[in-house]
Amino acid sequence: MNEQLATHLGAIARLAREQMSLTQVQVAERVGLAPAVYSRIERGQMIPSVDTMRKLCVELMVSPEDLMGLTESADSGARTRPEDDATLRRLIFVARKLDAGKLDALVHVATELAR
């Protein structure tokens, strides 16, 4: 098992779950796992199957790239606020699923909020 990948995957899953105000039991039920198994994933003690990773991405609204640690740039060892990057990527992940009208509305709302 790749311990670095397992640790990263668990940390991202935990961060996303907490940002969505979900419990481990709720996420486990949504992806079809026993709560103890999901807990092991968050603690970095196991790497889930590809099918379970896909379900985690959908339920936690995390891109596969973020979940697997593929979005960190090689030249930046430490980021100032990694949770900002994860939140922004989650927003992009959700926005890609919107139709043109809803995406336009999201852009307008975001523009107003940024003022």
Protein backbone atom coordinates (compact mmCIF):
# COMPACT_ATOMS: atom_id res chain seq x y z
CA MET A 1 0.00 0.00 0.00
CA ASN A 2 1.21 3.48 -0.84
CA GLU A 3 1.09 5.09 2.62
CA GLN A 4 1.56 8.62 1.30
CA LEU A 5 -1.41 8.24 -1.06
CA ALA A 6 -3.54 6.66 1.68
CA THR A 7 -2.72 9.51 4.09
CA HIS A 8 -3.45 12.20 1.49
CA LEU A 9 -6.68 10.56 0.36
CA GLY A 10 -7.87 10.24 3.95
CA ALA A 11 -7.07 13.86 4.77
CA ILE A 12 -8.90 15.18 1.69
CA ALA A 13 -11.91 12.95 2.37
CA ARG A 14 -12.05 14.13 5.98
CA LEU A 15 -11.72 17.81 5.01
CA ALA A 16 -14.46 17.53 2.38
CA ARG A 17 -16.74 15.61 4.76
CA GLU A 18 -16.29 18.19 7.50
CA GLN A 19 -16.91 21.07 5.07
CA MET A 20 -20.20 19.43 4.13
CA SER A 21 -21.07 18.92 7.84
CA LEU A 22 -21.45 15.16 7.37
CA THR A 23 -20.57 12.40 9.80
CA GLN A 24 -18.42 9.42 8.88
CA VAL A 25 -21.50 7.22 9.25
CA GLN A 26 -23.45 9.35 6.74
CA VAL A 27 -20.68 9.21 4.15
CA ALA A 28 -20.20 5.48 4.71
CA GLU A 29 -23.89 4.84 4.10
CA ARG A 30 -23.91 6.99 0.95
CA VAL A 31 -20.99 5.13 -0.61
CA GLY A 32 -22.03 1.69 0.59
CA LEU A 33 -19.33 1.03 3.17
CA ALA A 34 -19.38 -0.05 6.78
CA PRO A 35 -18.62 2.96 9.00
CA ALA A 36 -15.50 1.23 10.36
CA VAL A 37 -14.16 0.77 6.84
CA TYR A 38 -14.78 4.42 5.94
CA SER A 39 -13.06 5.43 9.18
CA ARG A 40 -9.97 3.44 8.13
CA ILE A 41 -9.92 5.33 4.81
CA GLU A 42 -9.98 8.71 6.58
CA ARG A 43 -7.22 7.61 8.94
CA GLY A 44 -5.04 6.66 5.97
CA GLN A 45 -5.03 2.99 6.85
CA MET A 46 -6.45 1.76 3.55
CA ILE A 47 -6.94 2.80 -0.05
CA PRO A 48 -10.46 2.22 -1.36
CA SER A 49 -11.29 0.45 -4.60
CA VAL A 50 -11.67 2.49 -7.77
CA ASP A 51 -15.44 2.16 -7.60
CA THR A 52 -15.48 3.40 -4.01
CA MET A 53 -13.16 6.29 -4.92
CA ARG A 54 -15.60 7.29 -7.65
CA LYS A 55 -18.48 7.22 -5.17
CA LEU A 56 -16.45 9.28 -2.70
CA CYS A 57 -15.74 11.89 -5.37
CA VAL A 58 -19.44 12.20 -6.15
CA GLU A 59 -20.69 12.24 -2.55
CA LEU A 60 -17.96 14.55 -1.21
CA MET A 61 -17.89 16.71 -4.36
CA VAL A 62 -14.14 16.28 -4.72
CA SER A 63 -12.38 15.82 -8.02
CA PRO A 64 -10.48 12.56 -8.51
CA GLU A 65 -7.34 14.62 -9.02
CA ASP A 66 -7.71 16.27 -5.61
CA LEU A 67 -8.58 13.01 -3.89
CA MET A 68 -5.47 11.31 -5.26
CA GLY A 69 -3.13 14.26 -4.76
CA LEU A 70 -2.54 14.90 -8.44
CA THR A 71 -3.28 18.64 -8.28
CA GLU A 72 -0.37 19.71 -6.12
CA SER A 73 2.28 21.39 -8.18
CA ALA A 74 5.64 19.70 -8.00
CA ASP A 75 7.53 22.93 -7.34
CA SER A 76 5.43 24.07 -4.38
CA GLY A 77 6.26 22.02 -1.34
CA ALA A 78 3.82 23.76 0.99
CA ARG A 79 0.84 25.90 0.23
CA THR A 80 -0.40 28.74 2.33
CA ARG A 81 -3.94 27.39 2.70
CA PRO A 82 -4.56 24.01 1.04
CA GLU A 83 -8.21 24.07 2.10
CA ASP A 84 -8.73 27.09 -0.19
CA ASP A 85 -7.50 25.09 -3.18
CA ALA A 86 -9.72 22.16 -2.28
CA THR A 87 -12.78 24.38 -1.85
CA LEU A 88 -12.18 26.14 -5.15
CA ARG A 89 -11.71 22.84 -6.96
CA ARG A 90 -14.93 21.51 -5.42
CA LEU A 91 -16.75 24.58 -6.73
CA ILE A 92 -15.32 24.00 -10.21
CA PHE A 93 -16.24 20.31 -10.01
CA VAL A 94 -19.87 21.25 -9.22
CA ALA A 95 -19.96 24.09 -11.77
CA ARG A 96 -18.97 21.71 -14.59
CA LYS A 97 -22.22 19.83 -14.03
CA LEU A 98 -24.42 22.91 -14.48
CA ASP A 99 -26.28 23.78 -17.66
CA ALA A 100 -25.46 27.09 -19.37
CA GLY A 101 -28.22 29.07 -17.63
CA LYS A 102 -27.30 27.90 -14.14
CA LEU A 103 -23.60 28.43 -14.81
CA ASP A 104 -24.32 32.00 -15.94
CA ALA A 105 -26.32 32.59 -12.74
CA LEU A 106 -23.46 31.21 -10.65
CA VAL A 107 -21.01 33.57 -12.36
CA HIS A 108 -23.29 36.54 -11.62
CA VAL A 109 -23.67 35.55 -7.96
CA ALA A 110 -19.92 35.01 -7.58
CA THR A 111 -19.21 38.36 -9.22
CA GLU A 112 -21.54 40.15 -6.81
CA LEU A 113 -20.10 38.35 -3.80
CA ALA A 114 -16.57 39.32 -4.83
CA ARG A 115 -17.39 43.04 -4.85
